[in-house]
Amino acid sequence: MTFEKYSNNWFTIALDTEKQVFIANDKTNPAFEATGITIESAVHNLKTIMAIQENLQDA
């Protein structure tokens, strides 16, 4: 599996060239991971997962 890593302020992006997907991880909590066929979709999916988790903690 080949990975290329890029980072932003709050997330990192890796490219899985075998599966042809981008993987977004939260920098503060790497357990939060989401995939997508574009960087934008991976980040959007990560934001969704984090929002759901935040709502569960608030409940």
C-alpha atoms as a PDB file:
ATOM      1  CA  MET A   1       0.000   0.000   0.000  1.00  0.00           C
ATOM      2  CA  THR A   2       1.430   3.378  -0.967  1.00  0.00           C
ATOM      3  CA  PHE A   3       0.559   6.479   1.007  1.00  0.00           C
ATOM      4  CA  GLU A   4       1.181  10.133   0.330  1.00  0.00           C
ATOM      5  CA  LYS A   5       0.454  12.390   3.309  1.00  0.00           C
ATOM      6  CA  TYR A   6      -0.652  16.004   3.331  1.00  0.00           C
ATOM      7  CA  SER A   7      -1.745  18.022   6.322  1.00  0.00           C
ATOM      8  CA  ASN A   8      -3.888  21.029   7.129  1.00  0.00           C
ATOM      9  CA  ASN A   9      -4.556  22.797  10.417  1.00  0.00           C
ATOM     10  CA  TRP A  10      -6.927  20.184  11.838  1.00  0.00           C
ATOM     11  CA  PHE A  11      -6.753  17.139   9.542  1.00  0.00           C
ATOM     12  CA  THR A  12      -4.312  15.003   7.581  1.00  0.00           C
ATOM     13  CA  ILE A  13      -4.923  13.398   4.219  1.00  0.00           C
ATOM     14  CA  ALA A  14      -3.413  10.147   2.973  1.00  0.00           C
ATOM     15  CA  LEU A  15      -3.841   8.565  -0.451  1.00  0.00           C
ATOM     16  CA  ASP A  16      -4.278   4.808  -0.615  1.00  0.00           C
ATOM     17  CA  THR A  17      -3.195   4.063  -4.183  1.00  0.00           C
ATOM     18  CA  GLU A  18      -4.259   0.423  -4.043  1.00  0.00           C
ATOM     19  CA  LYS A  19      -7.842   1.204  -3.053  1.00  0.00           C
ATOM     20  CA  GLN A  20      -7.845   4.555  -4.908  1.00  0.00           C
ATOM     21  CA  VAL A  21      -9.319   6.506  -1.965  1.00  0.00           C
ATOM     22  CA  PHE A  22      -8.264   9.442   0.155  1.00  0.00           C
ATOM     23  CA  ILE A  23      -8.200   8.974   3.926  1.00  0.00           C
ATOM     24  CA  ALA A  24      -8.799  11.960   6.211  1.00  0.00           C
ATOM     25  CA  ASN A  25      -7.848  11.847   9.901  1.00  0.00           C
ATOM     26  CA  ASP A  26      -8.460  14.363  12.673  1.00  0.00           C
ATOM     27  CA  LYS A  27      -5.074  15.524  14.033  1.00  0.00           C
ATOM     28  CA  THR A  28      -6.291  15.753  17.634  1.00  0.00           C
ATOM     29  CA  ASN A  29      -8.036  12.376  17.560  1.00  0.00           C
ATOM     30  CA  PRO A  30      -6.565  10.070  14.864  1.00  0.00           C
ATOM     31  CA  ALA A  31      -9.240   7.476  15.639  1.00  0.00           C
ATOM     32  CA  PHE A  32     -11.604   9.653  13.601  1.00  0.00           C
ATOM     33  CA  GLU A  33     -11.003   8.474  10.048  1.00  0.00           C
ATOM     34  CA  ALA A  34     -13.050   8.871   6.881  1.00  0.00           C
ATOM     35  CA  THR A  35     -12.509   7.968   3.249  1.00  0.00           C
ATOM     36  CA  GLY A  36     -13.634   9.438  -0.046  1.00  0.00           C
ATOM     37  CA  ILE A  37     -12.825   9.316  -3.735  1.00  0.00           C
ATOM     38  CA  THR A  38     -11.789  12.989  -3.576  1.00  0.00           C
ATOM     39  CA  ILE A  39     -10.023  14.967  -0.874  1.00  0.00           C
ATOM     40  CA  GLU A  40     -13.127  17.098  -0.487  1.00  0.00           C
ATOM     41  CA  SER A  41     -15.389  14.093   0.034  1.00  0.00           C
ATOM     42  CA  ALA A  42     -13.004  12.542   2.561  1.00  0.00           C
ATOM     43  CA  VAL A  43     -12.880  15.799   4.556  1.00  0.00           C
ATOM     44  CA  HIS A  44     -16.676  16.181   4.312  1.00  0.00           C
ATOM     45  CA  ASN A  45     -17.140  12.617   5.590  1.00  0.00           C
ATOM     46  CA  LEU A  46     -14.709  13.304   8.437  1.00  0.00           C
ATOM     47  CA  LYS A  47     -16.649  16.448   9.412  1.00  0.00           C
ATOM     48  CA  THR A  48     -19.862  14.404   9.404  1.00  0.00           C
ATOM     49  CA  ILE A  49     -18.371  11.726  11.652  1.00  0.00           C
ATOM     50  CA  MET A  50     -17.054  14.362  14.051  1.00  0.00           C
ATOM     51  CA  ALA A  51     -20.431  16.155  14.170  1.00  0.00           C
ATOM     52  CA  ILE A  52     -22.239  12.905  14.922  1.00  0.00           C
ATOM     53  CA  GLN A  53     -19.751  12.101  17.681  1.00  0.00           C
ATOM     54  CA  GLU A  54     -20.159  15.584  19.153  1.00  0.00           C
ATOM     55  CA  ASN A  55     -23.954  15.231  19.133  1.00  0.00           C
ATOM     56  CA  LEU A  56     -23.698  11.864  20.889  1.00  0.00           C
ATOM     57  CA  GLN A  57     -21.511  13.391  23.600  1.00  0.00           C
ATOM     58  CA  ASP A  58     -23.959  16.271  24.091  1.00  0.00           C
ATOM     59  CA  ALA A  59     -26.930  13.918  24.501  1.00  0.00           C
END
